[in-house]
Amino acid sequence: MSSPSNPKRVVRLQFAAMFLVAALAGWLASLLPAPAAGAASVYPDLAAAASPERLLSLRQIAAVSIFAMIICATLMFEERRLGVAFVGIATLLALKVLTLSEFVHSTELHIILLLVGMMTLVGALKDMGFFTWIIQSIINAKRMTGFKFLAILMLLSGVMPGIVDEVTSIVFVLALVFQVCDTLKLRPTPFVLMSVMATNVGSTGTMLGNPVGILIGTKAEYHWNPGSGDPGVPLSFGDFIVHATPIMFLSLLAIFFVLLVYYRKDIRLLDERLAERRASHVGLGPMVEIPYRRGLAILLGALAFIASHHPIEHALGLEPNTMLVAAPLAIAGLLMVFRSHRARHYVESSVEWWSLLFFMMLFAVSFAMEHCGVTDVIAGMIAPEGGAAPNRYLLTPLIVAITAVGSAFVDNVVFVSTFIPIIKKIVAGAPEMSPLWWALLFGACFGGNITAIGSTANLVAISMLGKKYSIKVAFLEWLKVGLVVGIVSCAVATGVILCYYKA
């Protein structure tokens, strides 16, 4: 009789915990000093109030409390987080923390449209069998060994997210892993974890690998010549290729050797089973003829178009990153025109509307925290104005560590959207601290490897593993290897940032 009520009791406890955390966060927000600019400059409607600073404090409390509620909802009940975000936004509008026009502006529609375009493109490539062709090519490679397979698996898992996205990448890489493990009668868990950890690292390689990269790239104010007084500019696709991709490959190489040692028994068994197959002249699976050339041409054309967005914008006199958004939309639009019989399917099934709507609400709440001065106060605590110049050797590992630990337990987009205005404030006062943008990127993405709930790719991988093999990955089983991988990759990224970007 008690079992049906247990889930309801758990939900009630979760809601109670969420409201308790929100209340605690609101109390802490009440202790924050008012922004240096003053209440009236933040909210003109407070100028006539009897106690404008008090009203501003109440709006800070509302913004911080609702942000804390969204974090709790993300942690405790994924299926309710969008509903909590909707209620939170309605509350912020009712309390005049945000106006309707500010809400619309703060949802970052350009980022959402970029993601819609890329998701539609990926849906069309799936339809054409392009990813299946990649899997078939690897399975039928000659003279395959355990070391060679692991190297290909890690490289594929690291490169694919930067071309498509981390979720699409892990879905197709795990199709390869499952086929090999089924054929060779191997335990799939080690190879699933290797794939997903390489995916999280690889998602930093380009601006398209993770929503975090798009968010940072479009919102950053990077000073390439700090001493010249030039204004900060957004990061381009080419900037990621030049600066983020090399760090990604170094980190991928580092975790490759970590996983090679950690899972050495499973890899040794893989090598033995492959040797037996080679001796019997038997492959890992049947070869199916797949027409891949059209999909490959579309993908290469799309990447070339996106990669050249910066010179196109310069030639046409457009705002930075205009073509970065326009290119995926144009390509997706053409695919929908020429494949009109599948167009509705691409938009309804390939686009993750649930996640995109949540991102829009989250961006608005983050803007509210910035608007009412909360992030300015936090930035002042990290790098006080009027004091000594910020210490890059302290701030770089600090930003990496905070975002890595936070992203291990909460969606990394949540942390990054909160930290962006903080980094902006620090960099505005000390342009030489611009490399902190890279610290934010790598900390948020690499931290996702620490726990099983650290990234969307992790959750997708665990779900696929459970559905196919009824295998559950224990929290500690993941943490033991994930913590090592997270520390090593974060250390590599931090070291390169500190050594390469001299003050």
Protein backbone atom coordinates (compact mmCIF):
# COMPACT_ATOMS: atom_id res chain seq x y z
CA MET A 1 0.00 0.00 0.00
CA SER A 2 2.89 2.33 0.70
CA SER A 3 4.77 1.86 -2.54
CA PRO A 4 2.49 4.02 -4.75
CA SER A 5 2.80 6.89 -2.31
CA ASN A 6 6.59 6.72 -2.14
CA PRO A 7 7.21 8.42 -5.50
CA LYS A 8 4.81 11.21 -4.52
CA ARG A 9 6.57 11.58 -1.20
CA VAL A 10 9.93 11.80 -2.96
CA VAL A 11 8.60 14.49 -5.30
CA ARG A 12 7.23 16.46 -2.35
CA LEU A 13 10.59 16.24 -0.60
CA GLN A 14 12.34 17.36 -3.77
CA PHE A 15 10.08 20.37 -4.09
CA ALA A 16 10.59 21.19 -0.43
CA ALA A 17 14.36 20.97 -0.90
CA MET A 18 14.14 23.17 -4.00
CA PHE A 19 12.21 25.89 -2.18
CA LEU A 20 14.55 25.64 0.80
CA VAL A 21 17.61 26.12 -1.42
CA ALA A 22 15.88 29.00 -3.23
CA ALA A 23 15.11 30.66 0.11
CA LEU A 24 18.71 30.22 1.26
CA ALA A 25 20.00 31.66 -2.02
CA GLY A 26 17.61 34.60 -1.66
CA TRP A 27 18.84 35.25 1.88
CA LEU A 28 22.45 35.24 0.67
CA ALA A 29 21.45 37.63 -2.12
CA SER A 30 20.00 39.98 0.47
CA LEU A 31 23.49 40.33 1.93
CA LEU A 32 24.95 41.52 -1.39
CA PRO A 33 25.75 45.23 -1.65
CA ALA A 34 23.85 47.30 -4.20
CA PRO A 35 25.57 47.84 -7.59
CA ALA A 36 27.95 50.78 -7.67
CA ALA A 37 25.85 52.40 -10.40
CA GLY A 38 22.92 52.79 -7.99
CA ALA A 39 19.34 51.56 -8.07
CA ALA A 40 17.87 54.31 -10.27
CA SER A 41 20.36 53.68 -13.09
CA VAL A 42 19.56 49.95 -13.08
CA TYR A 43 15.77 50.39 -12.89
CA PRO A 44 14.56 53.91 -13.75
CA ASP A 45 11.14 53.15 -12.23
CA LEU A 46 12.78 52.99 -8.77
CA ALA A 47 13.82 56.65 -8.86
CA ALA A 48 10.52 57.78 -7.37
CA ALA A 49 10.36 54.98 -4.79
CA ALA A 50 10.67 55.79 -1.11
CA SER A 51 13.42 53.18 -0.68
CA PRO A 52 14.93 52.43 -4.12
CA GLU A 53 17.90 50.46 -2.76
CA ARG A 54 15.53 48.20 -0.82
CA LEU A 55 13.41 47.51 -3.90
CA LEU A 56 16.54 46.76 -5.92
CA SER A 57 17.60 44.30 -3.21
CA LEU A 58 14.22 42.57 -3.46
CA ARG A 59 14.64 42.18 -7.22
CA GLN A 60 18.13 40.75 -6.70
CA ILE A 61 16.66 38.27 -4.24
CA ALA A 62 13.98 37.25 -6.77
CA ALA A 63 16.52 36.75 -9.58
CA VAL A 64 18.93 34.70 -7.44
CA SER A 65 16.13 32.60 -5.86
CA ILE A 66 14.65 31.68 -9.23
CA PHE A 67 18.08 30.86 -10.63
CA ALA A 68 18.67 28.55 -7.63
CA MET A 69 15.29 26.90 -8.26
CA ILE A 70 16.26 26.17 -11.87
CA ILE A 71 19.56 24.61 -10.75
CA CYS A 72 17.68 22.42 -8.25
CA ALA A 73 15.12 21.43 -10.88
CA THR A 74 17.94 20.44 -13.25
CA LEU A 75 19.55 18.33 -10.52
CA MET A 76 16.48 16.68 -9.02
CA PHE A 77 13.85 16.34 -11.74
CA GLU A 78 14.92 16.86 -15.32
CA GLU A 79 11.36 16.36 -16.59
CA ARG A 80 10.10 19.35 -14.57
CA ARG A 81 12.91 21.82 -15.16
CA LEU A 82 11.22 23.55 -18.10
CA GLY A 83 8.03 23.99 -16.11
CA VAL A 84 10.00 25.50 -13.21
CA ALA A 85 11.76 27.82 -15.67
CA PHE A 86 8.41 28.97 -17.13
CA VAL A 87 7.05 29.76 -13.66
CA GLY A 88 10.30 31.53 -12.78
CA ILE A 89 10.17 33.78 -15.85
CA ALA A 90 6.52 34.62 -15.17
CA THR A 91 7.50 35.61 -11.62
CA LEU A 92 10.37 37.82 -12.81
CA LEU A 93 8.02 39.59 -15.23
CA ALA A 94 5.37 40.09 -12.55
CA LEU A 95 7.94 41.53 -10.10
CA LYS A 96 9.32 43.90 -12.77
CA VAL A 97 12.77 42.31 -12.57
CA LEU A 98 12.43 42.03 -16.35
CA THR A 99 10.21 43.92 -18.76
CA LEU A 100 8.61 42.07 -21.64
CA SER A 101 10.97 43.68 -24.19
CA GLU A 102 14.00 42.81 -22.02
CA PHE A 103 12.80 39.23 -21.79
CA VAL A 104 12.46 38.90 -25.56
CA HIS A 105 15.88 40.48 -26.08
CA SER A 106 17.56 38.29 -23.45
CA THR A 107 16.44 34.93 -24.88
CA GLU A 108 19.36 35.04 -27.37
CA LEU A 109 17.23 34.12 -30.36
CA HIS A 110 20.26 34.15 -32.67
CA ILE A 111 21.87 31.31 -30.68
CA ILE A 112 18.62 29.35 -30.70
CA LEU A 113 18.26 29.76 -34.48
CA LEU A 114 21.85 28.66 -35.03
CA LEU A 115 21.13 25.49 -33.05
CA VAL A 116 17.88 24.92 -34.95
CA GLY A 117 19.75 25.17 -38.26
CA MET A 118 22.48 22.76 -37.17
CA MET A 119 19.99 20.24 -35.73
CA THR A 120 18.01 20.29 -38.97
CA LEU A 121 21.20 19.75 -40.99
CA VAL A 122 22.19 16.81 -38.77
CA GLY A 123 18.70 15.31 -39.15
CA ALA A 124 19.07 15.40 -42.94
CA LEU A 125 22.53 13.79 -42.77
CA LYS A 126 21.10 10.99 -40.62
CA ASP A 127 18.37 10.50 -43.21
CA MET A 128 20.93 10.15 -45.98
CA GLY A 129 22.85 7.41 -44.12
CA PHE A 130 26.03 9.45 -43.79
CA PHE A 131 26.77 8.41 -40.19
CA THR A 132 25.97 4.77 -40.92
CA TRP A 133 28.58 4.87 -43.72
CA ILE A 134 31.23 6.08 -41.23
CA ILE A 135 30.46 3.17 -38.88
CA GLN A 136 30.57 0.64 -41.70
CA SER A 137 33.95 1.96 -42.88
CA ILE A 138 35.49 1.52 -39.42
CA ILE A 139 34.01 -1.93 -38.79
CA ASN A 140 35.45 -3.26 -42.04
CA ALA A 141 38.92 -1.72 -41.66
CA LYS A 142 41.69 -4.27 -42.27
CA ARG A 143 44.23 -5.49 -39.67
CA MET A 144 42.30 -4.04 -36.75
CA THR A 145 43.94 -4.36 -33.32
CA GLY A 146 42.79 -3.40 -29.85
CA PHE A 147 45.06 -0.35 -29.71
CA LYS A 148 44.11 0.72 -33.22
CA PHE A 149 40.39 0.34 -32.50
CA LEU A 150 40.65 2.38 -29.30
CA ALA A 151 42.64 5.09 -31.11
CA ILE A 152 40.02 5.26 -33.90
CA LEU A 153 37.17 5.21 -31.37
CA MET A 154 38.65 8.04 -29.31
CA LEU A 155 39.53 10.10 -32.39
CA LEU A 156 36.09 9.64 -33.91
CA SER A 157 34.42 10.47 -30.60
CA GLY A 158 36.62 13.56 -30.26
CA VAL A 159 36.23 14.90 -33.80
CA MET A 160 32.55 14.22 -34.53
CA PRO A 161 31.08 16.55 -31.86
CA GLY A 162 32.87 19.53 -33.38
CA ILE A 163 31.33 18.73 -36.77
CA VAL A 164 27.79 17.92 -35.68
CA ASP A 165 27.05 18.03 -31.93
CA GLU A 166 27.83 15.92 -28.88
CA VAL A 167 24.48 14.12 -28.68
CA THR A 168 24.37 13.10 -32.35
CA SER A 169 28.01 12.05 -32.08
CA ILE A 170 27.56 9.77 -29.07
CA VAL A 171 24.45 8.13 -30.54
CA PHE A 172 26.30 7.03 -33.67
CA VAL A 173 29.60 6.19 -31.99
CA LEU A 174 27.78 3.92 -29.54
CA ALA A 175 26.13 2.14 -32.46
CA LEU A 176 29.69 1.22 -33.50
CA VAL A 177 30.66 0.23 -29.94
CA PHE A 178 27.59 -1.98 -29.48
CA GLN A 179 28.15 -3.80 -32.77
CA VAL A 180 31.79 -4.54 -31.95
CA CYS A 181 31.01 -5.60 -28.36
CA ASP A 182 28.16 -7.87 -29.49
CA THR A 183 30.33 -9.49 -32.16
CA LEU A 184 33.32 -10.06 -29.88
CA LYS A 185 31.29 -10.83 -26.71
CA LEU A 186 32.88 -7.97 -24.73
CA ARG A 187 31.67 -5.99 -21.73
CA PRO A 188 30.41 -2.73 -23.32
CA THR A 189 30.66 -0.39 -20.30
CA PRO A 190 34.41 0.47 -20.59
CA PHE A 191 34.09 1.32 -24.28
CA VAL A 192 30.94 3.37 -23.70
CA LEU A 193 32.73 5.43 -21.04
CA MET A 194 35.79 5.90 -23.28
CA SER A 195 33.56 7.15 -26.09
CA VAL A 196 31.50 9.57 -24.03
CA MET A 197 34.54 11.03 -22.24
CA ALA A 198 36.27 11.64 -25.56
CA THR A 199 33.01 13.21 -26.81
CA ASN A 200 32.93 15.70 -23.93
CA VAL A 201 36.54 16.67 -24.57
CA GLY A 202 35.99 16.87 -28.33
CA SER A 203 32.96 19.13 -27.95
CA THR A 204 35.36 22.03 -27.19
CA GLY A 205 37.16 21.74 -30.53
CA THR A 206 34.85 24.02 -32.50
CA MET A 207 32.09 26.49 -31.78
CA LEU A 208 29.49 23.94 -32.92
CA GLY A 209 30.38 21.03 -30.63
CA ASN A 210 28.42 22.21 -27.63
CA PRO A 211 25.87 24.96 -26.89
CA VAL A 212 28.48 26.29 -24.45
CA GLY A 213 30.86 27.02 -27.35
CA ILE A 214 28.17 28.89 -29.27
CA LEU A 215 27.20 30.84 -26.15
CA ILE A 216 30.79 31.85 -25.36
CA GLY A 217 31.67 32.57 -28.98
CA THR A 218 28.75 34.92 -29.56
CA LYS A 219 28.80 36.61 -26.14
CA ALA A 220 32.54 36.98 -25.55
CA GLU A 221 34.27 40.35 -25.68
CA TYR A 222 37.80 39.26 -26.51
CA HIS A 223 40.68 41.73 -26.62
CA TRP A 224 43.30 40.40 -29.00
CA ASN A 225 45.56 43.44 -28.44
CA PRO A 226 44.96 44.38 -24.78
CA GLY A 227 47.32 47.36 -24.78
CA SER A 228 45.89 49.01 -27.88
CA GLY A 229 42.58 50.08 -26.36
CA ASP A 230 40.63 48.22 -29.08
CA PRO A 231 37.13 47.11 -28.05
CA GLY A 232 36.50 43.47 -27.35
CA VAL A 233 35.02 41.38 -30.19
CA PRO A 234 33.06 38.10 -30.31
CA LEU A 235 34.96 34.91 -31.11
CA SER A 236 34.63 33.45 -34.60
CA PHE A 237 34.59 29.86 -35.85
CA GLY A 238 38.17 30.38 -37.01
CA ASP A 239 39.24 31.57 -33.55
CA PHE A 240 38.04 28.27 -32.10
CA ILE A 241 39.96 26.31 -34.75
CA VAL A 242 43.18 28.22 -34.03
CA HIS A 243 42.94 28.38 -30.24
CA ALA A 244 40.55 25.73 -28.92
CA THR A 245 41.17 22.83 -31.31
CA PRO A 246 44.88 22.34 -30.42
CA ILE A 247 44.06 22.30 -26.69
CA MET A 248 41.27 19.84 -27.38
CA PHE A 249 43.62 17.44 -29.20
CA LEU A 250 46.27 17.69 -26.47
CA SER A 251 43.65 16.94 -23.82
CA LEU A 252 42.24 14.09 -25.92
CA LEU A 253 45.73 12.58 -26.21
CA ALA A 254 46.24 12.87 -22.46
CA ILE A 255 42.98 11.13 -21.55
CA PHE A 256 43.65 8.49 -24.25
CA PHE A 257 46.67 7.28 -22.29
CA VAL A 258 44.78 7.55 -18.99
CA LEU A 259 41.97 5.34 -20.32
CA LEU A 260 44.47 3.01 -22.00
CA VAL A 261 45.97 2.27 -18.60
CA TYR A 262 42.71 2.25 -16.64
CA TYR A 263 40.95 -0.19 -18.99
CA ARG A 264 44.05 -2.18 -19.99
CA LYS A 265 42.44 -5.57 -19.20
CA ASP A 266 39.40 -4.89 -21.39
CA ILE A 267 41.61 -3.61 -24.20
CA ARG A 268 43.85 -6.68 -23.93
CA LEU A 269 40.79 -8.92 -24.24
CA LEU A 270 39.60 -6.88 -27.25
CA ASP A 271 42.99 -7.37 -28.88
CA GLU A 272 42.84 -11.14 -28.34
CA ARG A 273 39.33 -11.45 -29.78
CA LEU A 274 40.30 -9.34 -32.81
CA ALA A 275 43.36 -11.54 -33.38
CA GLU A 276 41.10 -14.60 -33.39
CA ARG A 277 38.82 -12.98 -35.98
CA ARG A 278 41.78 -12.04 -38.16
CA ALA A 279 43.15 -15.59 -37.97
CA SER A 280 39.77 -16.90 -39.10
CA HIS A 281 39.55 -14.22 -41.85
CA VAL A 282 36.23 -13.04 -40.41
CA GLY A 283 35.27 -9.36 -40.21
CA LEU A 284 33.36 -7.52 -37.51
CA GLY A 285 30.17 -7.18 -39.53
CA PRO A 286 28.62 -7.30 -43.00
CA MET A 287 29.43 -4.55 -45.46
CA VAL A 288 26.35 -2.72 -46.70
CA GLU A 289 26.55 -0.40 -49.68
CA ILE A 290 25.48 3.07 -48.59
CA PRO A 291 25.32 6.09 -50.93
CA TYR A 292 27.38 8.53 -48.87
CA ARG A 293 28.77 11.01 -51.40
CA ARG A 294 25.80 13.40 -51.33
CA GLY A 295 25.78 13.58 -47.52
CA LEU A 296 29.56 14.07 -47.42
CA ALA A 297 29.36 16.88 -50.00
CA ILE A 298 26.60 18.63 -48.03
CA LEU A 299 28.54 18.37 -44.77
CA LEU A 300 31.80 19.64 -46.28
CA GLY A 301 29.98 22.47 -48.02
CA ALA A 302 28.21 23.44 -44.79
CA LEU A 303 31.45 23.42 -42.80
CA ALA A 304 33.23 25.50 -45.45
CA PHE A 305 30.37 28.02 -45.46
CA ILE A 306 30.32 28.26 -41.66
CA ALA A 307 34.12 28.40 -41.34
CA SER A 308 34.31 31.32 -43.79
CA HIS A 309 31.66 33.39 -41.99
CA HIS A 310 34.17 35.95 -40.68
CA PRO A 311 35.65 37.05 -44.06
CA ILE A 312 32.15 37.07 -45.59
CA GLU A 313 30.91 39.35 -42.81
CA HIS A 314 33.92 41.62 -43.26
CA ALA A 315 33.41 41.81 -47.04
CA LEU A 316 29.68 42.58 -46.73
CA GLY A 317 30.03 44.92 -43.75
CA LEU A 318 27.88 42.75 -41.49
CA GLU A 319 27.87 42.50 -37.70
CA PRO A 320 30.20 39.84 -36.22
CA ASN A 321 28.78 36.28 -36.38
CA THR A 322 25.85 37.29 -38.61
CA MET A 323 26.78 34.66 -41.19
CA LEU A 324 27.58 32.14 -38.46
CA VAL A 325 23.84 32.15 -37.74
CA ALA A 326 22.70 32.66 -41.33
CA ALA A 327 24.80 29.86 -42.85
CA PRO A 328 23.20 26.90 -40.97
CA LEU A 329 19.74 28.41 -41.51
CA ALA A 330 20.35 28.80 -45.24
CA ILE A 331 21.69 25.25 -45.60
CA ALA A 332 18.86 23.79 -43.52
CA GLY A 333 16.35 25.78 -45.55
CA LEU A 334 17.72 24.47 -48.87
CA LEU A 335 17.64 20.90 -47.58
CA MET A 336 14.02 21.36 -46.52
CA VAL A 337 13.14 22.78 -49.94
CA PHE A 338 14.77 19.97 -51.91
CA ARG A 339 13.67 17.26 -49.47
CA SER A 340 10.23 18.72 -48.81
CA HIS A 341 8.69 15.30 -48.10
CA ARG A 342 10.93 15.07 -45.00
CA ALA A 343 11.00 18.75 -44.02
CA ARG A 344 8.36 18.50 -41.29
CA HIS A 345 10.11 15.45 -39.84
CA TYR A 346 13.40 17.34 -39.61
CA VAL A 347 11.84 20.26 -37.75
CA GLU A 348 9.61 18.20 -35.44
CA SER A 349 11.90 15.26 -34.68
CA SER A 350 15.47 16.42 -35.22
CA VAL A 351 15.23 19.74 -33.36
CA GLU A 352 15.44 19.41 -29.54
CA TRP A 353 12.70 21.93 -28.77
CA TRP A 354 12.57 20.93 -25.09
CA SER A 355 16.22 21.87 -24.58
CA LEU A 356 16.03 25.01 -26.72
CA LEU A 357 13.05 26.39 -24.79
CA PHE A 358 14.87 25.71 -21.53
CA PHE A 359 17.95 27.52 -22.84
CA MET A 360 15.83 30.56 -23.73
CA MET A 361 14.36 30.72 -20.21
CA LEU A 362 17.80 30.18 -18.67
CA PHE A 363 19.36 32.98 -20.74
CA ALA A 364 16.61 35.33 -19.58
CA VAL A 365 17.15 34.46 -15.90
CA SER A 366 20.92 34.95 -16.31
CA PHE A 367 20.23 38.33 -17.92
CA ALA A 368 18.01 39.25 -14.96
CA MET A 369 20.88 38.50 -12.57
CA GLU A 370 23.19 40.65 -14.67
CA HIS A 371 20.59 43.41 -15.05
CA CYS A 372 19.98 43.84 -11.33
CA GLY A 373 23.69 43.86 -10.55
CA VAL A 374 24.23 40.41 -8.98
CA THR A 375 26.93 39.32 -11.42
CA ASP A 376 28.71 42.69 -11.11
CA VAL A 377 28.94 42.20 -7.35
CA ILE A 378 30.28 38.64 -7.78
CA ALA A 379 32.83 39.85 -10.35
CA GLY A 380 33.92 42.53 -7.89
CA MET A 381 34.51 39.84 -5.27
CA ILE A 382 36.65 37.78 -7.66
CA ALA A 383 38.61 40.73 -9.07
CA PRO A 384 38.03 43.88 -6.95
CA GLU A 385 38.00 47.16 -8.86
CA GLY A 386 40.60 49.72 -7.86
CA GLY A 387 42.79 47.05 -6.29
CA ALA A 388 45.77 45.16 -7.64
CA ALA A 389 45.61 43.86 -11.21
CA PRO A 390 43.91 40.44 -11.44
CA ASN A 391 46.35 37.55 -11.13
CA ARG A 392 45.97 35.34 -14.22
CA TYR A 393 47.87 32.50 -12.52
CA LEU A 394 45.20 32.47 -9.82
CA LEU A 395 42.07 33.33 -11.81
CA THR A 396 42.63 30.90 -14.72
CA PRO A 397 42.74 27.70 -12.62
CA LEU A 398 40.03 29.13 -10.36
CA ILE A 399 37.59 29.65 -13.25
CA VAL A 400 38.44 26.21 -14.69
CA ALA A 401 37.96 24.54 -11.29
CA ILE A 402 34.68 26.31 -10.38
CA THR A 403 33.04 25.64 -13.74
CA ALA A 404 34.36 22.05 -13.87
CA VAL A 405 32.99 21.18 -10.44
CA GLY A 406 29.70 22.97 -11.13
CA SER A 407 29.28 21.32 -14.54
CA ALA A 408 29.90 17.90 -12.99
CA PHE A 409 26.52 18.18 -11.27
CA VAL A 410 24.50 20.78 -13.21
CA ASP A 411 23.98 21.41 -16.94
CA ASN A 412 27.10 23.30 -18.10
CA VAL A 413 24.95 25.83 -19.98
CA VAL A 414 23.57 26.91 -16.58
CA PHE A 415 27.01 27.71 -15.22
CA VAL A 416 28.36 29.29 -18.37
CA SER A 417 25.36 31.59 -18.84
CA THR A 418 25.91 32.78 -15.26
CA PHE A 419 29.66 33.24 -15.58
CA ILE A 420 29.61 35.09 -18.91
CA PRO A 421 28.67 38.49 -17.41
CA ILE A 422 31.20 37.89 -14.61
CA ILE A 423 34.01 37.22 -17.10
CA LYS A 424 32.85 40.23 -19.15
CA LYS A 425 33.16 42.47 -16.11
CA ILE A 426 36.65 41.18 -15.26
CA VAL A 427 37.89 41.45 -18.85
CA ALA A 428 36.41 44.95 -19.25
CA GLY A 429 38.58 46.12 -16.35
CA ALA A 430 41.63 44.07 -17.34
CA PRO A 431 41.64 43.27 -21.10
CA GLU A 432 44.75 41.09 -20.68
CA MET A 433 42.49 38.60 -18.88
CA SER A 434 40.69 37.72 -22.15
CA PRO A 435 42.05 34.12 -22.09
CA LEU A 436 39.63 33.53 -19.21
CA TRP A 437 37.04 32.92 -21.95
CA TRP A 438 38.96 29.78 -22.92
CA ALA A 439 39.22 28.78 -19.24
CA LEU A 440 35.43 29.03 -19.01
CA LEU A 441 34.97 26.87 -22.12
CA PHE A 442 37.30 24.05 -21.09
CA GLY A 443 36.27 24.00 -17.44
CA ALA A 444 32.58 23.73 -18.29
CA CYS A 445 33.01 20.98 -20.90
CA PHE A 446 35.78 18.92 -19.30
CA GLY A 447 34.00 18.97 -15.94
CA GLY A 448 31.17 17.04 -17.58
CA ASN A 449 33.36 13.92 -17.48
CA ILE A 450 33.58 13.85 -13.68
CA THR A 451 30.12 12.39 -12.98
CA ALA A 452 27.51 10.44 -14.89
CA ILE A 453 25.13 13.43 -14.81
CA GLY A 454 27.75 15.95 -15.94
CA SER A 455 26.64 16.30 -19.56
CA THR A 456 23.79 15.48 -21.90
CA ALA A 457 26.06 13.05 -23.76
CA ASN A 458 26.63 11.14 -20.51
CA LEU A 459 22.90 10.78 -19.86
CA VAL A 460 22.24 9.66 -23.45
CA ALA A 461 25.03 7.07 -23.23
CA ILE A 462 23.78 5.66 -19.92
CA SER A 463 20.24 5.48 -21.29
CA MET A 464 21.36 3.61 -24.43
CA LEU A 465 23.49 1.21 -22.39
CA GLY A 466 20.58 0.48 -20.05
CA LYS A 467 18.06 -0.07 -22.84
CA LYS A 468 20.25 -2.46 -24.83
CA TYR A 469 22.00 -4.45 -22.08
CA SER A 470 20.02 -3.60 -18.90
CA ILE A 471 23.32 -2.38 -17.43
CA LYS A 472 23.42 0.38 -14.84
CA VAL A 473 26.60 2.38 -14.31
CA ALA A 474 27.08 3.03 -10.60
CA PHE A 475 27.87 6.60 -9.55
CA LEU A 476 31.20 5.58 -8.00
CA GLU A 477 32.14 3.41 -10.97
CA TRP A 478 31.91 6.49 -13.20
CA LEU A 479 33.43 8.84 -10.63
CA LYS A 480 36.60 6.74 -10.17
CA VAL A 481 37.64 7.12 -13.80
CA GLY A 482 35.77 10.38 -14.51
CA LEU A 483 37.51 12.28 -11.75
CA VAL A 484 40.95 11.29 -13.06
CA VAL A 485 39.99 12.16 -16.63
CA GLY A 486 38.47 15.47 -15.52
CA ILE A 487 41.52 16.49 -13.49
CA VAL A 488 44.00 15.50 -16.21
CA SER A 489 42.12 17.26 -19.03
CA CYS A 490 41.52 20.41 -16.95
CA ALA A 491 45.20 20.47 -15.93
CA VAL A 492 46.30 20.22 -19.58
CA ALA A 493 43.95 23.03 -20.65
CA THR A 494 44.96 25.25 -17.72
CA GLY A 495 48.66 24.68 -18.37
CA VAL A 496 48.40 25.51 -22.08
CA ILE A 497 46.32 28.65 -21.42
CA LEU A 498 48.84 29.93 -18.83
CA CYS A 499 51.89 29.09 -20.96
CA TYR A 500 50.58 30.18 -24.36
CA TYR A 501 48.76 33.39 -23.45
CA LYS A 502 51.48 35.49 -21.84
CA ALA A 503 50.45 38.52 -19.84
